[in-house]
Amino acid sequence: MRERKPTRREVFLQVMEQVIPWDLLIKAIEPYYPKAGPQGGRPAYPIKVMLRVYFLQNWYGYADLSMEEALYENEVLRRFAKVRIERIPDATSLLHFRHLLERYGLCQKLFEWVKTHLDSKGLWLKEGSIVDATIIHAPTSTKNRNRQRDPEMHATRKGKQMYFGMKAHIGVDTVSGLVHHVLGTAAHVSDVTVAHHLLQGSEQEVYADAGYQGVMKRAEHWHRQVNWQICRHRIYVLPGQEQAMLEAHRFRERAKASLRAKVEHAFRIVKCQFGFRKVRYKGLFKNTAQLFTLFTLVNLWMVRHHAY
């Protein structure tokens, strides 16, 4: 009898099962996790189950109730989460687990622990960084209880188009392409003003797009011995400029752009593969916590081909 072909979801979950350091992440959460339910009730769900379900929510965009129903319906998800159909976590338990991660800053701690784990495997070189930001949309409708948009989100202009939401700022290693810093801000915050939060401190070169022009003149970077590789908006042809010099400028800009493109890989995984194109929660705090989780999973996905 012909063997059934595994689905793409099954293949993806099998890969993530292997690359995620489960013991390390469970150890980080364990000191904060309750040992029993409220008022000494039934035992809490195991951390490994809640963490696995939480990752499924981030990968596939499930809300709490939708995640509970999907676990009842889909055997592949139950097998990854290691739950029996008789004791599937309910939507309220998933909500409480996410609030626990947010309350104690565990999403950021998991990001840092995975960074340290990958660093111990020799996957960081720390010789250069690439910084960039992307806009994450937020609902613009005012048809809600307060008759207003999220006050922590803002509008910004990109080109001739207006956007409303937040920005995800990241710093990426130039060699491995792994994300080493994450920052969430309102969409109107200028990229230049927060660039110092995205650097490792030991890099020798920093690559960025034209939106970061003038960053080296800011006071927070005066102490840095860094070669700034900032892309230009355009190359101007001066009267009498030789064609060879113009071609040299174009070659240098193409070289900068080809290396800077590594930062777009992380954004592609978050937006296209994980489907995170619009914020799920209200306010910057919760959405930034989710950004740390998403880029933790991005880093683990990007090292899947390394035998470690």
Protein backbone atom coordinates (compact mmCIF):
# COMPACT_ATOMS: atom_id res chain seq x y z
CA MET A 1 0.00 0.00 0.00
CA ARG A 2 1.33 3.42 -0.94
CA GLU A 3 2.56 5.49 2.01
CA ARG A 4 0.73 8.75 2.60
CA LYS A 5 2.61 11.89 1.61
CA PRO A 6 3.20 14.21 4.61
CA THR A 7 1.60 17.62 4.36
CA ARG A 8 3.61 20.84 4.44
CA ARG A 9 2.30 21.52 7.93
CA GLU A 10 3.52 18.15 9.15
CA VAL A 11 6.96 18.72 7.62
CA PHE A 12 7.21 22.19 9.15
CA LEU A 13 6.22 20.97 12.62
CA GLN A 14 8.64 18.03 12.41
CA VAL A 15 11.48 20.44 11.63
CA MET A 16 10.56 22.82 14.46
CA GLU A 17 10.27 19.88 16.85
CA GLN A 18 13.93 19.16 16.21
CA VAL A 19 15.38 22.69 16.24
CA ILE A 20 13.60 24.20 19.26
CA PRO A 21 15.57 23.69 22.53
CA TRP A 22 12.51 22.70 24.56
CA ASP A 23 14.31 21.91 27.80
CA LEU A 24 16.01 25.30 27.78
CA LEU A 25 12.78 27.22 27.22
CA ILE A 26 10.82 25.22 29.78
CA LYS A 27 13.57 25.87 32.32
CA ALA A 28 13.23 29.62 31.71
CA ILE A 29 9.44 29.58 32.29
CA GLU A 30 9.28 27.09 35.16
CA PRO A 31 10.06 29.51 38.07
CA TYR A 32 7.07 31.66 37.10
CA TYR A 33 4.59 28.92 36.23
CA PRO A 34 1.90 27.98 38.81
CA LYS A 35 2.12 24.47 40.22
CA ALA A 36 -1.67 24.06 40.53
CA GLY A 37 -4.85 25.72 39.40
CA PRO A 38 -6.67 28.47 41.31
CA GLN A 39 -7.55 27.71 44.97
CA GLY A 40 -5.53 24.53 44.83
CA GLY A 41 -7.71 23.00 42.12
CA ARG A 42 -6.70 20.54 39.47
CA PRO A 43 -3.03 20.54 38.40
CA ALA A 44 -2.02 23.10 35.81
CA TYR A 45 -1.37 21.95 32.27
CA PRO A 46 2.29 20.99 31.70
CA ILE A 47 4.52 23.83 30.58
CA LYS A 48 5.62 21.90 27.50
CA VAL A 49 2.00 21.61 26.36
CA MET A 50 1.21 25.29 26.89
CA LEU A 51 4.42 26.42 25.23
CA ARG A 52 3.84 24.21 22.20
CA VAL A 53 0.27 25.47 21.81
CA TYR A 54 1.49 29.07 22.22
CA PHE A 55 3.96 28.54 19.38
CA LEU A 56 1.20 27.07 17.21
CA GLN A 57 -0.82 30.24 17.79
CA ASN A 58 2.09 32.39 16.62
CA TRP A 59 2.78 30.24 13.56
CA TYR A 60 -0.79 29.98 12.34
CA GLY A 61 -2.48 33.07 13.77
CA TYR A 62 -5.01 31.25 15.93
CA ALA A 63 -6.94 33.19 18.56
CA ASP A 64 -7.45 31.43 21.89
CA LEU A 65 -10.88 29.97 21.14
CA SER A 66 -9.90 29.11 17.56
CA MET A 67 -6.79 27.34 18.86
CA GLU A 68 -8.87 25.25 21.26
CA GLU A 69 -11.24 24.22 18.47
CA ALA A 70 -8.37 23.49 16.07
CA LEU A 71 -6.81 21.12 18.61
CA TYR A 72 -10.08 19.19 18.80
CA GLU A 73 -10.32 18.99 15.01
CA ASN A 74 -6.72 18.47 13.87
CA GLU A 75 -4.71 15.43 14.88
CA VAL A 76 -1.48 16.92 13.48
CA LEU A 77 -1.72 19.87 15.88
CA ARG A 78 -2.55 17.58 18.82
CA ARG A 79 0.42 15.38 18.02
CA PHE A 80 2.79 18.37 17.99
CA ALA A 81 1.28 19.82 21.19
CA LYS A 82 1.47 16.37 22.84
CA VAL A 83 -2.07 16.55 24.20
CA ARG A 84 -4.82 14.00 24.38
CA ILE A 85 -8.25 14.93 23.13
CA GLU A 86 -9.59 14.26 26.65
CA ARG A 87 -7.55 17.13 28.16
CA ILE A 88 -7.06 19.90 25.64
CA PRO A 89 -6.28 23.34 27.13
CA ASP A 90 -9.30 25.61 26.99
CA ALA A 91 -9.25 29.19 25.65
CA THR A 92 -9.07 30.70 29.16
CA SER A 93 -5.97 28.66 30.02
CA LEU A 94 -4.29 29.81 26.81
CA LEU A 95 -5.15 33.42 27.67
CA HIS A 96 -3.69 33.08 31.19
CA PHE A 97 -0.49 31.52 29.84
CA ARG A 98 0.04 34.37 27.40
CA HIS A 99 -0.60 36.91 30.16
CA LEU A 100 1.96 35.10 32.31
CA LEU A 101 4.59 35.45 29.58
CA GLU A 102 3.79 39.13 29.18
CA ARG A 103 3.64 39.93 32.89
CA TYR A 104 7.14 38.63 33.65
CA GLY A 105 8.75 39.65 30.35
CA LEU A 106 9.31 36.01 29.43
CA CYS A 107 8.94 36.54 25.69
CA GLN A 108 12.04 38.72 25.71
CA LYS A 109 13.82 36.30 28.05
CA LEU A 110 13.09 33.40 25.69
CA PHE A 111 14.51 35.48 22.83
CA GLU A 112 17.70 36.13 24.81
CA TRP A 113 18.02 32.49 25.93
CA VAL A 114 17.74 31.26 22.34
CA LYS A 115 20.31 33.87 21.29
CA THR A 116 22.71 32.57 23.94
CA HIS A 117 21.98 29.00 22.88
CA LEU A 118 22.77 29.73 19.22
CA ASP A 119 25.84 31.74 20.22
CA SER A 120 27.18 28.72 22.11
CA LYS A 121 26.87 26.75 18.85
CA GLY A 122 29.06 29.26 17.00
CA LEU A 123 26.28 30.73 14.85
CA TRP A 124 27.05 34.40 15.70
CA LEU A 125 30.09 36.29 14.43
CA LYS A 126 29.22 39.81 15.74
CA GLU A 127 31.40 41.53 13.15
CA GLY A 128 28.60 43.54 11.58
CA SER A 129 24.92 44.38 11.86
CA ILE A 130 22.08 45.29 9.53
CA VAL A 131 19.27 47.45 10.89
CA ASP A 132 15.84 47.96 9.40
CA ALA A 133 12.17 48.36 10.28
CA THR A 134 8.84 47.31 8.85
CA ILE A 135 5.32 48.59 9.41
CA ILE A 136 2.77 46.27 11.03
CA HIS A 137 -0.76 47.41 10.32
CA ALA A 138 -3.36 48.04 13.03
CA PRO A 139 -7.15 48.29 12.66
CA THR A 140 -8.20 51.77 11.59
CA SER A 141 -11.88 51.39 12.35
CA THR A 142 -13.50 53.43 15.13
CA LYS A 143 -16.54 51.15 15.33
CA ASN A 144 -15.73 49.90 18.81
CA ARG A 145 -16.73 50.55 22.41
CA ASN A 146 -14.56 53.66 22.80
CA ARG A 147 -15.21 55.00 19.28
CA GLN A 148 -11.49 55.51 18.70
CA ARG A 149 -8.43 53.85 17.26
CA ASP A 150 -5.72 52.34 19.43
CA PRO A 151 -4.10 55.44 21.04
CA GLU A 152 -0.65 53.79 21.09
CA MET A 153 -0.66 53.25 17.34
CA HIS A 154 0.04 56.09 14.93
CA ALA A 155 -0.11 56.95 11.25
CA THR A 156 2.96 57.44 9.06
CA ARG A 157 3.68 58.14 5.43
CA LYS A 158 5.75 55.83 3.25
CA GLY A 159 6.19 57.19 -0.21
CA LYS A 160 2.78 58.56 -1.15
CA GLN A 161 0.87 56.05 0.98
CA MET A 162 -0.37 56.51 4.56
CA TYR A 163 -0.20 53.61 7.03
CA PHE A 164 -1.56 53.17 10.55
CA GLY A 165 -0.01 50.82 13.08
CA MET A 166 3.34 50.07 14.69
CA LYS A 167 6.92 49.44 13.57
CA ALA A 168 9.03 46.36 14.19
CA HIS A 169 12.69 47.41 14.34
CA ILE A 170 15.34 44.69 14.21
CA GLY A 171 19.10 44.31 14.14
CA VAL A 172 20.46 41.37 12.14
CA ASP A 173 23.89 39.73 12.01
CA THR A 174 25.54 40.36 8.63
CA VAL A 175 26.89 36.81 8.26
CA SER A 176 24.23 34.51 9.69
CA GLY A 177 21.19 36.73 9.09
CA LEU A 178 19.97 35.98 12.62
CA VAL A 179 18.06 38.63 14.55
CA HIS A 180 19.91 39.88 17.64
CA HIS A 181 17.75 42.86 18.71
CA VAL A 182 14.02 43.61 18.49
CA LEU A 183 12.15 46.81 19.28
CA GLY A 184 8.50 47.75 18.85
CA THR A 185 7.41 51.37 18.46
CA ALA A 186 4.53 53.37 17.04
CA ALA A 187 4.67 53.71 13.27
CA HIS A 188 5.55 57.42 13.31
CA VAL A 189 8.83 56.92 15.21
CA SER A 190 11.79 57.67 12.96
CA ASP A 191 14.14 54.77 12.28
CA VAL A 192 17.21 56.94 12.95
CA THR A 193 16.16 57.78 16.53
CA VAL A 194 16.11 54.16 17.72
CA ALA A 195 19.04 52.71 15.76
CA HIS A 196 21.24 52.61 18.88
CA HIS A 197 18.86 50.08 20.44
CA LEU A 198 19.52 47.62 17.58
CA LEU A 199 23.32 47.33 17.73
CA GLN A 200 25.36 44.70 19.53
CA GLY A 201 28.14 47.11 20.45
CA SER A 202 31.03 45.06 19.07
CA GLU A 203 30.28 45.33 15.34
CA GLN A 204 32.73 46.95 12.94
CA GLU A 205 30.23 47.68 10.15
CA VAL A 206 26.56 48.65 10.14
CA TYR A 207 24.38 48.42 7.02
CA ALA A 208 21.08 50.25 6.62
CA ASP A 209 18.78 51.65 3.96
CA ALA A 210 18.46 55.30 2.97
CA GLY A 211 16.06 56.00 5.83
CA TYR A 212 19.03 55.93 8.23
CA GLN A 213 21.04 58.66 6.51
CA GLY A 214 22.70 60.94 9.05
CA VAL A 215 22.57 58.34 11.83
CA MET A 216 26.30 58.64 12.50
CA LYS A 217 25.87 62.33 13.40
CA ARG A 218 23.63 61.58 16.38
CA ALA A 219 25.18 61.89 19.84
CA GLU A 220 24.41 58.30 20.87
CA HIS A 221 26.83 57.05 18.16
CA TRP A 222 29.75 59.44 18.67
CA HIS A 223 31.67 56.88 20.74
CA ARG A 224 31.34 54.10 18.15
CA GLN A 225 34.21 53.07 15.89
CA VAL A 226 31.93 51.81 13.15
CA ASN A 227 32.02 51.88 9.37
CA TRP A 228 28.50 53.03 8.45
CA GLN A 229 27.28 51.60 5.13
CA ILE A 230 24.11 53.58 4.47
CA CYS A 231 22.38 53.28 1.12
CA ARG A 232 21.76 56.47 -0.85
CA HIS A 233 18.38 57.65 -2.07
CA ARG A 234 19.87 58.20 -5.51
CA ILE A 235 23.19 58.72 -7.26
CA TYR A 236 23.64 62.22 -8.63
CA VAL A 237 25.62 62.83 -11.81
CA LEU A 238 27.70 65.98 -11.44
CA PRO A 239 28.82 67.98 -14.49
CA GLY A 240 32.11 66.62 -15.75
CA GLN A 241 31.88 63.44 -13.67
CA GLU A 242 33.49 60.54 -15.43
CA GLN A 243 31.40 57.55 -16.38
CA ALA A 244 33.84 55.23 -14.62
CA MET A 245 33.30 57.06 -11.32
CA LEU A 246 29.54 56.86 -11.75
CA GLU A 247 29.74 53.10 -12.35
CA ALA A 248 31.93 52.74 -9.24
CA HIS A 249 29.24 54.46 -7.16
CA ARG A 250 26.57 52.18 -8.62
CA PHE A 251 28.65 49.08 -7.94
CA ARG A 252 29.17 50.14 -4.32
CA GLU A 253 25.45 50.79 -3.82
CA ARG A 254 24.55 47.40 -5.32
CA ALA A 255 27.03 45.72 -2.98
CA LYS A 256 25.47 47.46 0.03
CA ALA A 257 21.95 46.56 -1.08
CA SER A 258 22.78 42.90 -1.71
CA LEU A 259 24.18 42.48 1.81
CA ARG A 260 21.46 44.58 3.43
CA ALA A 261 18.85 42.30 1.83
CA LYS A 262 19.52 39.70 4.55
CA VAL A 263 17.39 41.71 6.94
CA GLU A 264 14.41 41.24 4.62
CA HIS A 265 14.57 37.46 5.06
CA ALA A 266 13.49 37.76 8.70
CA PHE A 267 10.62 40.09 7.75
CA ARG A 268 9.55 37.70 4.98
CA ILE A 269 9.28 34.78 7.40
CA VAL A 270 7.26 36.82 9.91
CA LYS A 271 4.89 38.36 7.36
CA CYS A 272 4.61 35.74 4.63
CA GLN A 273 5.31 32.45 6.37
CA PHE A 274 3.85 33.17 9.82
CA GLY A 275 1.21 35.54 8.43
CA PHE A 276 1.85 38.36 10.93
CA ARG A 277 0.78 41.33 8.83
CA LYS A 278 -1.58 42.99 11.29
CA VAL A 279 -1.33 43.43 15.07
CA ARG A 280 -3.47 41.06 17.10
CA TYR A 281 -3.70 42.95 20.39
CA LYS A 282 -4.29 46.50 21.61
CA GLY A 283 -1.30 48.56 22.70
CA LEU A 284 2.44 48.30 22.13
CA PHE A 285 3.25 46.18 25.17
CA LYS A 286 1.42 43.02 24.12
CA ASN A 287 2.32 43.35 20.46
CA THR A 288 6.01 43.89 21.23
CA ALA A 289 5.96 40.77 23.41
CA GLN A 290 4.61 38.84 20.43
CA LEU A 291 7.35 40.30 18.22
CA PHE A 292 9.99 38.81 20.53
CA THR A 293 8.28 35.41 20.27
CA LEU A 294 8.00 35.63 16.48
CA PHE A 295 11.65 36.55 15.96
CA THR A 296 12.72 33.84 18.40
CA LEU A 297 10.95 31.37 16.14
CA VAL A 298 12.42 33.07 13.06
CA ASN A 299 15.96 32.51 14.36
CA LEU A 300 15.25 28.85 15.07
CA TRP A 301 13.72 28.35 11.63
CA MET A 302 16.70 29.98 9.93
CA VAL A 303 19.20 27.60 11.58
CA ARG A 304 17.22 24.47 10.74
CA HIS A 305 19.83 23.31 8.22
CA HIS A 306 22.68 23.50 10.73
CA ALA A 307 23.46 20.24 12.50
CA TYR A 308 23.64 21.26 16.14
